[in-house]
Structure formats: C-alpha cells, structure tokens
C-alpha cells in the first residue's frame, strides 16, 4: 500500500485525485446578508 494504491491517502495524493479517503476541504462561504438600514427621518430645517 503506497503510491500506486488508489484506496490510500498517499495513492490519492500521488494520482492527484480525491475520494473517500481524501475528501476535498470545503470552503465555507458566509451567506451574504443585507445590512439593515435604519429608517431615515427627515428633520425639519431650522429657520
């Protein structure tokens, strides 16, 4: 069991493949959340 064995981690690395014994690292992308806008109130201009 070594570089030629595709069922081992070393064999997966050597062949450049992924699988059960060497799964991909999944990147966790945060869900784009909309920023809550504060309600705008119009202020009366001082005279």
PDB file of N, CA and C in Angstrom:
ATOM      1  N   UNK A   1       0.851  -1.176   0.000  1.00  0.00           N
ATOM      2  CA  UNK A   1       0.000   0.000   0.000  1.00  0.00           C
ATOM      3  C   UNK A   1       0.891   1.230   0.000  1.00  0.00           C
ATOM      4  N   UNK A   2       0.860   1.901  -1.126  1.00  0.00           N
ATOM      5  CA  UNK A   2       1.710   3.078  -1.230  1.00  0.00           C
ATOM      6  C   UNK A   2       1.214   3.996  -2.316  1.00  0.00           C
ATOM      7  N   UNK A   3       2.165   4.480  -3.105  1.00  0.00           N
ATOM      8  CA  UNK A   3       1.819   5.460  -4.129  1.00  0.00           C
ATOM      9  C   UNK A   3       0.887   4.908  -5.203  1.00  0.00           C
ATOM     10  N   UNK A   4       0.974   3.647  -5.497  1.00  0.00           N
ATOM     11  CA  UNK A   4       0.157   3.079  -6.557  1.00  0.00           C
ATOM     12  C   UNK A   4      -1.246   2.670  -6.125  1.00  0.00           C
ATOM     13  N   UNK A   5      -1.468   2.618  -4.823  1.00  0.00           N
ATOM     14  CA  UNK A   5      -2.757   2.164  -4.319  1.00  0.00           C
ATOM     15  C   UNK A   5      -3.709   3.348  -4.222  1.00  0.00           C
ATOM     16  N   UNK A   6      -4.728   3.348  -5.077  1.00  0.00           N
ATOM     17  CA  UNK A   6      -5.635   4.496  -5.118  1.00  0.00           C
ATOM     18  C   UNK A   6      -6.649   4.510  -3.982  1.00  0.00           C
ATOM     19  N   UNK A   7      -6.615   3.479  -3.123  1.00  0.00           N
ATOM     20  CA  UNK A   7      -7.527   3.462  -1.976  1.00  0.00           C
ATOM     21  C   UNK A   7      -6.897   4.075  -0.731  1.00  0.00           C
ATOM     22  N   UNK A   8      -5.640   4.477  -0.818  1.00  0.00           N
ATOM     23  CA  UNK A   8      -4.973   5.085   0.327  1.00  0.00           C
ATOM     24  C   UNK A   8      -4.780   6.577   0.098  1.00  0.00           C
ATOM     25  N   UNK A   9      -4.556   7.291   1.189  1.00  0.00           N
ATOM     26  CA  UNK A   9      -4.363   8.734   1.101  1.00  0.00           C
ATOM     27  C   UNK A   9      -3.130   9.060   0.254  1.00  0.00           C
ATOM     28  N   UNK A  10      -2.052   8.321   0.456  1.00  0.00           N
ATOM     29  CA  UNK A  10      -0.818   8.560  -0.299  1.00  0.00           C
ATOM     30  C   UNK A  10      -1.029   8.296  -1.788  1.00  0.00           C
ATOM     31  N   UNK A  11      -1.803   7.285  -2.104  1.00  0.00           N
ATOM     32  CA  UNK A  11      -2.094   6.990  -3.506  1.00  0.00           C
ATOM     33  C   UNK A  11      -2.941   8.067  -4.146  1.00  0.00           C
ATOM     34  N   UNK A  12      -3.873   8.632  -3.372  1.00  0.00           N
ATOM     35  CA  UNK A  12      -4.713   9.720  -3.883  1.00  0.00           C
ATOM     36  C   UNK A  12      -3.862  10.954  -4.155  1.00  0.00           C
ATOM     37  N   UNK A  13      -2.942  11.258  -3.237  1.00  0.00           N
ATOM     38  CA  UNK A  13      -2.065  12.413  -3.416  1.00  0.00           C
ATOM     39  C   UNK A  13      -1.183  12.216  -4.647  1.00  0.00           C
ATOM     40  N   UNK A  14      -0.648  11.020  -4.807  1.00  0.00           N
ATOM     41  CA  UNK A  14       0.242  10.720  -5.941  1.00  0.00           C
ATOM     42  C   UNK A  14      -0.498  10.835  -7.267  1.00  0.00           C
ATOM     43  N   UNK A  15      -1.732  10.345  -7.322  1.00  0.00           N
ATOM     44  CA  UNK A  15      -2.511  10.384  -8.560  1.00  0.00           C
ATOM     45  C   UNK A  15      -3.207  11.724  -8.779  1.00  0.00           C
ATOM     46  N   UNK A  16      -3.249  12.548  -7.737  1.00  0.00           N
ATOM     47  CA  UNK A  16      -3.899  13.853  -7.855  1.00  0.00           C
ATOM     48  C   UNK A  16      -5.411  13.762  -7.900  1.00  0.00           C
ATOM     49  N   UNK A  17      -5.968  12.759  -7.216  1.00  0.00           N
ATOM     50  CA  UNK A  17      -7.414  12.597  -7.199  1.00  0.00           C
ATOM     51  C   UNK A  17      -7.934  12.766  -5.778  1.00  0.00           C
ATOM     52  N   UNK A  18      -9.233  12.871  -5.682  1.00  0.00           N
ATOM     53  CA  UNK A  18      -9.878  12.993  -4.387  1.00  0.00           C
ATOM     54  C   UNK A  18     -10.890  11.870  -4.254  1.00  0.00           C
ATOM     55  N   UNK A  19     -11.259  11.559  -3.045  1.00  0.00           N
ATOM     56  CA  UNK A  19     -12.232  10.497  -2.853  1.00  0.00           C
ATOM     57  C   UNK A  19     -12.563  10.317  -1.395  1.00  0.00           C
ATOM     58  N   UNK A  20     -13.007   9.112  -1.032  1.00  0.00           N
ATOM     59  CA  UNK A  20     -13.450   8.833   0.326  1.00  0.00           C
ATOM     60  C   UNK A  20     -12.290   8.980   1.310  1.00  0.00           C
ATOM     61  N   UNK A  21     -11.128   8.480   0.940  1.00  0.00           N
ATOM     62  CA  UNK A  21     -10.003   8.528   1.864  1.00  0.00           C
ATOM     63  C   UNK A  21      -9.283   9.873   1.845  1.00  0.00           C
ATOM     64  N   UNK A  22      -9.627  10.733   0.900  1.00  0.00           N
ATOM     65  CA  UNK A  22      -9.016  12.063   0.837  1.00  0.00           C
ATOM     66  C   UNK A  22     -10.047  13.062   0.325  1.00  0.00           C
ATOM     67  N   UNK A  23     -11.001  13.437   1.165  1.00  0.00           N
ATOM     68  CA  UNK A  23     -12.063  14.342   0.715  1.00  0.00           C
ATOM     69  C   UNK A  23     -11.567  15.761   0.517  1.00  0.00           C
ATOM     70  N   UNK A  24     -12.280  16.497  -0.330  1.00  0.00           N
ATOM     71  CA  UNK A  24     -11.978  17.905  -0.546  1.00  0.00           C
ATOM     72  C   UNK A  24     -12.243  18.676   0.726  1.00  0.00           C
ATOM     73  N   UNK A  25     -11.451  19.735   0.938  1.00  0.00           N
ATOM     74  CA  UNK A  25     -11.762  20.653   2.030  1.00  0.00           C
ATOM     75  C   UNK A  25     -12.762  21.646   1.477  1.00  0.00           C
ATOM     76  N   UNK A  26     -13.928  21.686   2.067  1.00  0.00           N
ATOM     77  CA  UNK A  26     -14.996  22.550   1.590  1.00  0.00           C
ATOM     78  C   UNK A  26     -14.816  23.935   2.183  1.00  0.00           C
ATOM     79  N   UNK A  27     -14.802  24.934   1.311  1.00  0.00           N
ATOM     80  CA  UNK A  27     -14.708  26.306   1.788  1.00  0.00           C
ATOM     81  C   UNK A  27     -16.086  26.758   2.239  1.00  0.00           C
ATOM     82  N   UNK A  28     -16.155  27.289   3.434  1.00  0.00           N
ATOM     83  CA  UNK A  28     -17.422  27.776   3.967  1.00  0.00           C
ATOM     84  C   UNK A  28     -17.549  29.242   3.583  1.00  0.00           C
ATOM     85  N   UNK A  29     -18.526  29.518   2.720  1.00  0.00           N
ATOM     86  CA  UNK A  29     -18.754  30.878   2.272  1.00  0.00           C
ATOM     87  C   UNK A  29     -19.941  31.430   3.036  1.00  0.00           C
ATOM     88  N   UNK A  30     -19.743  32.521   3.774  1.00  0.00           N
ATOM     89  CA  UNK A  30     -20.872  33.077   4.518  1.00  0.00           C
ATOM     90  C   UNK A  30     -21.932  33.615   3.570  1.00  0.00           C
ATOM     91  N   UNK A  31     -23.155  33.404   3.941  1.00  0.00           N
ATOM     92  CA  UNK A  31     -24.263  33.865   3.115  1.00  0.00           C
ATOM     93  C   UNK A  31     -24.315  35.385   3.196  1.00  0.00           C
ATOM     94  N   UNK A  32     -24.397  36.020   2.049  1.00  0.00           N
ATOM     95  CA  UNK A  32     -24.424  37.476   2.010  1.00  0.00           C
ATOM     96  C   UNK A  32     -25.713  37.965   2.654  1.00  0.00           C
ATOM     97  N   UNK A  33     -25.544  38.628   3.755  1.00  0.00           N
ATOM     98  CA  UNK A  33     -26.707  39.154   4.450  1.00  0.00           C
ATOM     99  C   UNK A  33     -26.790  40.649   4.181  1.00  0.00           C
ATOM    100  N   UNK A  34     -27.995  41.091   3.948  1.00  0.00           N
ATOM    101  CA  UNK A  34     -28.184  42.504   3.690  1.00  0.00           C
ATOM    102  C   UNK A  34     -28.114  43.256   5.009  1.00  0.00           C
ATOM    103  N   UNK A  35     -27.426  44.385   4.971  1.00  0.00           N
ATOM    104  CA  UNK A  35     -27.341  45.193   6.169  1.00  0.00           C
ATOM    105  C   UNK A  35     -28.674  45.898   6.359  1.00  0.00           C
ATOM    106  N   UNK A  36     -29.112  45.879   7.591  1.00  0.00           N
ATOM    107  CA  UNK A  36     -30.381  46.524   7.881  1.00  0.00           C
ATOM    108  C   UNK A  36     -30.169  48.034   7.870  1.00  0.00           C
ATOM    109  N   UNK A  37     -30.977  48.681   7.081  1.00  0.00           N
ATOM    110  CA  UNK A  37     -30.879  50.132   7.013  1.00  0.00           C
ATOM    111  C   UNK A  37     -31.767  50.735   8.092  1.00  0.00           C
ATOM    112  N   UNK A  38     -31.238  51.751   8.735  1.00  0.00           N
ATOM    113  CA  UNK A  38     -32.023  52.434   9.743  1.00  0.00           C
ATOM    114  C   UNK A  38     -33.052  53.292   9.034  1.00  0.00           C
ATOM    115  N   UNK A  39     -34.240  53.356   9.538  1.00  0.00           N
ATOM    116  CA  UNK A  39     -35.250  54.194   8.898  1.00  0.00           C
ATOM    117  C   UNK A  39     -34.823  55.655   8.973  1.00  0.00           C
ATOM    118  N   UNK A  40     -34.852  56.296   7.831  1.00  0.00           N
ATOM    119  CA  UNK A  40     -34.419  57.689   7.797  1.00  0.00           C
ATOM    120  C   UNK A  40     -35.630  58.583   8.044  1.00  0.00           C
ATOM    121  N   UNK A  41     -35.414  59.555   8.874  1.00  0.00           N
ATOM    122  CA  UNK A  41     -36.467  60.518   9.144  1.00  0.00           C
ATOM    123  C   UNK A  41     -35.977  61.880   8.703  1.00  0.00           C
ATOM    124  N   UNK A  42     -36.825  62.579   8.013  1.00  0.00           N
ATOM    125  CA  UNK A  42     -36.434  63.908   7.566  1.00  0.00           C
ATOM    126  C   UNK A  42     -36.617  64.901   8.720  1.00  0.00           C
ATOM    127  N   UNK A  43     -35.551  65.595   8.991  1.00  0.00           N
ATOM    128  CA  UNK A  43     -35.611  66.583  10.045  1.00  0.00           C
ATOM    129  C   UNK A  43     -35.967  67.924   9.429  1.00  0.00           C
ATOM    130  N   UNK A  44     -36.759  68.653  10.146  1.00  0.00           N
ATOM    131  CA  UNK A  44     -37.152  69.973   9.671  1.00  0.00           C
ATOM    132  C   UNK A  44     -35.961  70.912   9.801  1.00  0.00           C
ATOM    133  N   UNK A  45     -35.762  71.694   8.770  1.00  0.00           N
ATOM    134  CA  UNK A  45     -34.654  72.638   8.771  1.00  0.00           C
ATOM    135  C   UNK A  45     -34.947  73.779   9.731  1.00  0.00           C
ATOM    136  N   UNK A  46     -33.950  74.170  10.462  1.00  0.00           N
ATOM    137  CA  UNK A  46     -34.134  75.290  11.394  1.00  0.00           C
ATOM    138  C   UNK A  46     -34.176  76.592  10.616  1.00  0.00           C
ATOM    139  N   UNK A  47     -35.128  77.443  10.955  1.00  0.00           N
ATOM    140  CA  UNK A  47     -35.265  78.718  10.246  1.00  0.00           C
ATOM    141  C   UNK A  47     -34.604  79.848  10.999  1.00  0.00           C
TER     142      UNK A  47
END
